[in-house]
Amino acid sequence: MVHAKRVLFICVHNSARSQMAEAFMNSLAEGAFLAESAGFEPGEINALVIEAMAEEGLDISANRSKSVFDLYKSGRIFDYVVTVCDDAREGQCPIFPGVTRRLHIPFTDPAALAGTHEEKLAEVRKIRDAIRDKVRELMAEWTDDTTKRKLA
C-alpha cells in the first residue's frame, strides 16, 4: 500500500490562499495526497473565499485557521511545504523536520482586494482558479508511477 504524500500549504492568516489549496488538493487527490494548511497569524476564513469555493462544490465554511508554529511544535512531518503568501512572508516559514521539498508560489491576498462585493469576488475567482491549476500541476509533478495508477 502506498502512503499518501503529506503537503502543508502556508499563508499569512490561513484564511484564503492556503485554505483553497488544501481543499483543492484533498478533493482532487483521491487519497494520493493529504493536504493541510496553516498561517503565521491565524484569522477568520475569508467570506469571499468561502463563496468562491462553494461555486466549485467545495464547502470550506466549517474550516478553522491553524498556526504554522503550532504544527511545527507538534513535530508534524510533511513531504512538501508550499508557501502561497507574498515574498516578504515566505522567509518566516519554519523549517519542518523531514521535509523533502519546499516551494514558494505567491498568490495575491484576497484580503487586499478593493472594490464592490462583485468586483472582489471576480478577483477571488481568478485567484481560486490559479490555485486550482497550480495544485493540479504540482500533483502531476509529484506523482510517481505507483501513485498515477492509484489516481487512474
Protein backbone atom coordinates (compact mmCIF):
# COMPACT_ATOMS: atom_id res chain seq x y z
CA MET A 1 0.00 0.00 0.00
CA VAL A 2 1.31 3.43 -0.97
CA HIS A 3 1.15 6.12 1.71
CA ALA A 4 -0.33 9.48 0.88
CA LYS A 5 2.19 12.25 0.35
CA ARG A 6 1.69 14.87 3.06
CA VAL A 7 1.55 18.51 1.93
CA LEU A 8 1.35 21.68 4.01
CA PHE A 9 0.16 24.94 2.43
CA ILE A 10 1.08 28.10 4.35
CA CYS A 11 -0.01 31.73 4.04
CA VAL A 12 -0.31 34.69 6.39
CA HIS A 13 -3.70 34.15 8.07
CA ASN A 14 -4.67 30.68 6.80
CA SER A 15 -7.90 32.37 5.77
CA ALA A 16 -7.84 32.22 1.97
CA ARG A 17 -5.00 31.04 -0.29
CA SER A 18 -3.76 28.13 1.80
CA GLN A 19 -7.34 27.06 2.59
CA MET A 20 -8.16 26.95 -1.13
CA ALA A 21 -5.02 24.96 -1.94
CA GLU A 22 -5.74 22.46 0.84
CA ALA A 23 -9.35 21.97 -0.29
CA PHE A 24 -8.43 21.53 -3.94
CA MET A 25 -5.65 19.05 -3.25
CA ASN A 26 -7.74 16.95 -0.90
CA SER A 27 -10.69 16.90 -3.32
CA LEU A 28 -8.59 16.06 -6.39
CA ALA A 29 -6.03 13.66 -4.87
CA GLU A 30 -8.26 10.65 -4.20
CA GLY A 31 -6.06 9.69 -1.27
CA ALA A 32 -2.72 10.04 -3.05
CA PHE A 33 -2.03 13.31 -1.23
CA LEU A 34 -3.12 14.55 2.18
CA ALA A 35 -3.07 18.34 2.39
CA GLU A 36 -3.26 20.61 5.43
CA SER A 37 -2.92 24.35 5.74
CA ALA A 38 -1.76 26.83 8.34
CA GLY A 39 -0.86 30.50 8.78
CA PHE A 40 1.66 32.75 10.50
CA GLU A 41 -1.14 34.77 12.14
CA PRO A 42 -4.31 32.61 12.01
CA GLY A 43 -7.53 34.53 11.37
CA GLU A 44 -11.10 34.04 10.20
CA ILE A 45 -11.81 32.32 6.88
CA ASN A 46 -12.47 34.95 4.21
CA ALA A 47 -16.20 35.06 3.33
CA LEU A 48 -15.47 35.74 -0.35
CA VAL A 49 -13.23 32.66 -0.48
CA ILE A 50 -15.97 30.54 1.11
CA GLU A 51 -18.38 31.83 -1.56
CA ALA A 52 -15.97 31.24 -4.44
CA MET A 53 -15.08 27.74 -3.27
CA ALA A 54 -18.78 26.85 -2.89
CA GLU A 55 -19.14 27.64 -6.61
CA GLU A 56 -16.66 24.81 -7.18
CA GLY A 57 -18.65 22.45 -4.97
CA LEU A 58 -16.19 22.73 -2.06
CA ASP A 59 -17.60 23.77 1.31
CA ILE A 60 -14.87 25.26 3.49
CA SER A 61 -17.26 27.22 5.71
CA ALA A 62 -16.56 24.98 8.73
CA ASN A 63 -12.75 25.21 8.34
CA ARG A 64 -10.72 26.86 11.07
CA SER A 65 -7.38 28.62 10.77
CA LYS A 66 -4.38 26.85 12.25
CA SER A 67 -0.99 28.17 13.33
CA VAL A 68 2.03 27.02 11.35
CA PHE A 69 4.10 27.29 14.50
CA ASP A 70 1.71 25.00 16.41
CA LEU A 71 2.06 22.40 13.65
CA TYR A 72 5.83 22.79 13.76
CA LYS A 73 5.98 22.47 17.55
CA SER A 74 3.82 19.34 17.41
CA GLY A 75 6.50 17.67 15.27
CA ARG A 76 4.28 17.12 12.25
CA ILE A 77 6.05 15.63 9.23
CA PHE A 78 5.35 16.78 5.66
CA ASP A 79 6.78 15.63 2.33
CA TYR A 80 6.18 19.08 0.85
CA VAL A 81 5.73 22.57 2.33
CA VAL A 82 4.33 25.19 -0.04
CA THR A 83 4.12 28.86 0.92
CA VAL A 84 1.46 30.73 -1.04
CA CYS A 85 1.88 34.11 0.65
CA ASP A 86 3.79 37.11 -0.61
CA ASP A 87 7.58 37.11 -0.85
CA ALA A 88 8.03 39.14 2.34
CA ARG A 89 6.41 36.45 4.50
CA GLU A 90 7.92 33.40 2.79
CA GLY A 91 11.17 33.67 4.76
CA GLN A 92 9.29 33.41 8.08
CA CYS A 93 8.29 29.81 7.46
CA PRO A 94 9.87 27.40 9.94
CA ILE A 95 11.93 24.51 8.63
CA PHE A 96 9.85 21.39 9.18
CA PRO A 97 11.70 18.18 10.06
CA GLY A 98 11.65 15.58 7.30
CA VAL A 99 10.51 17.94 4.55
CA THR A 100 11.92 16.71 1.28
CA ARG A 101 10.77 19.67 -0.79
CA ARG A 102 9.85 23.27 -0.08
CA LEU A 103 8.31 25.64 -2.62
CA HIS A 104 7.20 29.25 -2.68
CA ILE A 105 4.35 30.06 -5.06
CA PRO A 106 2.95 33.54 -4.34
CA PHE A 107 -0.68 34.43 -4.99
CA THR A 108 -2.49 37.73 -4.46
CA ASP A 109 -4.02 38.06 -0.99
CA PRO A 110 -7.84 38.20 -1.29
CA ALA A 111 -7.94 40.33 1.87
CA ALA A 112 -6.06 43.07 0.00
CA LEU A 113 -8.66 43.38 -2.78
CA ALA A 114 -10.67 46.57 -3.17
CA GLY A 115 -13.97 47.34 -4.86
CA THR A 116 -17.56 46.21 -4.63
CA HIS A 117 -18.51 42.73 -3.48
CA GLU A 118 -18.89 41.58 -7.10
CA GLU A 119 -15.56 43.13 -8.17
CA LYS A 120 -13.72 41.48 -5.29
CA LEU A 121 -15.49 38.15 -5.89
CA ALA A 122 -14.44 38.27 -9.55
CA GLU A 123 -10.80 38.69 -8.47
CA VAL A 124 -11.10 35.92 -5.86
CA ARG A 125 -12.37 33.63 -8.62
CA LYS A 126 -9.22 34.37 -10.63
CA ILE A 127 -7.02 33.60 -7.61
CA ARG A 128 -9.05 30.44 -6.89
CA ASP A 129 -8.68 29.22 -10.46
CA ALA A 130 -4.93 29.92 -10.47
CA ILE A 131 -4.53 27.99 -7.21
CA ARG A 132 -6.59 25.06 -8.56
CA ASP A 133 -4.46 24.95 -11.71
CA LYS A 134 -1.23 25.10 -9.69
CA VAL A 135 -2.40 22.33 -7.35
CA ARG A 136 -3.14 20.11 -10.36
CA GLU A 137 0.28 20.92 -11.79
CA LEU A 138 2.03 20.10 -8.50
CA MET A 139 0.16 16.82 -8.13
CA ALA A 140 1.15 15.79 -11.65
CA GLU A 141 4.77 16.74 -10.99
CA TRP A 142 4.91 14.92 -7.64
CA THR A 143 3.07 11.81 -8.77
CA ASP A 144 5.21 8.73 -9.30
CA ASP A 145 4.11 5.72 -11.37
CA THR A 146 2.59 3.93 -8.35
CA THR A 147 0.53 7.00 -7.42
CA LYS A 148 -0.51 7.53 -11.06
CA ARG A 149 -2.01 4.03 -11.08
CA LYS A 150 -3.88 4.84 -7.86
CA LEU A 151 -5.29 8.09 -9.35
CA ALA A 152 -6.28 6.40 -12.64
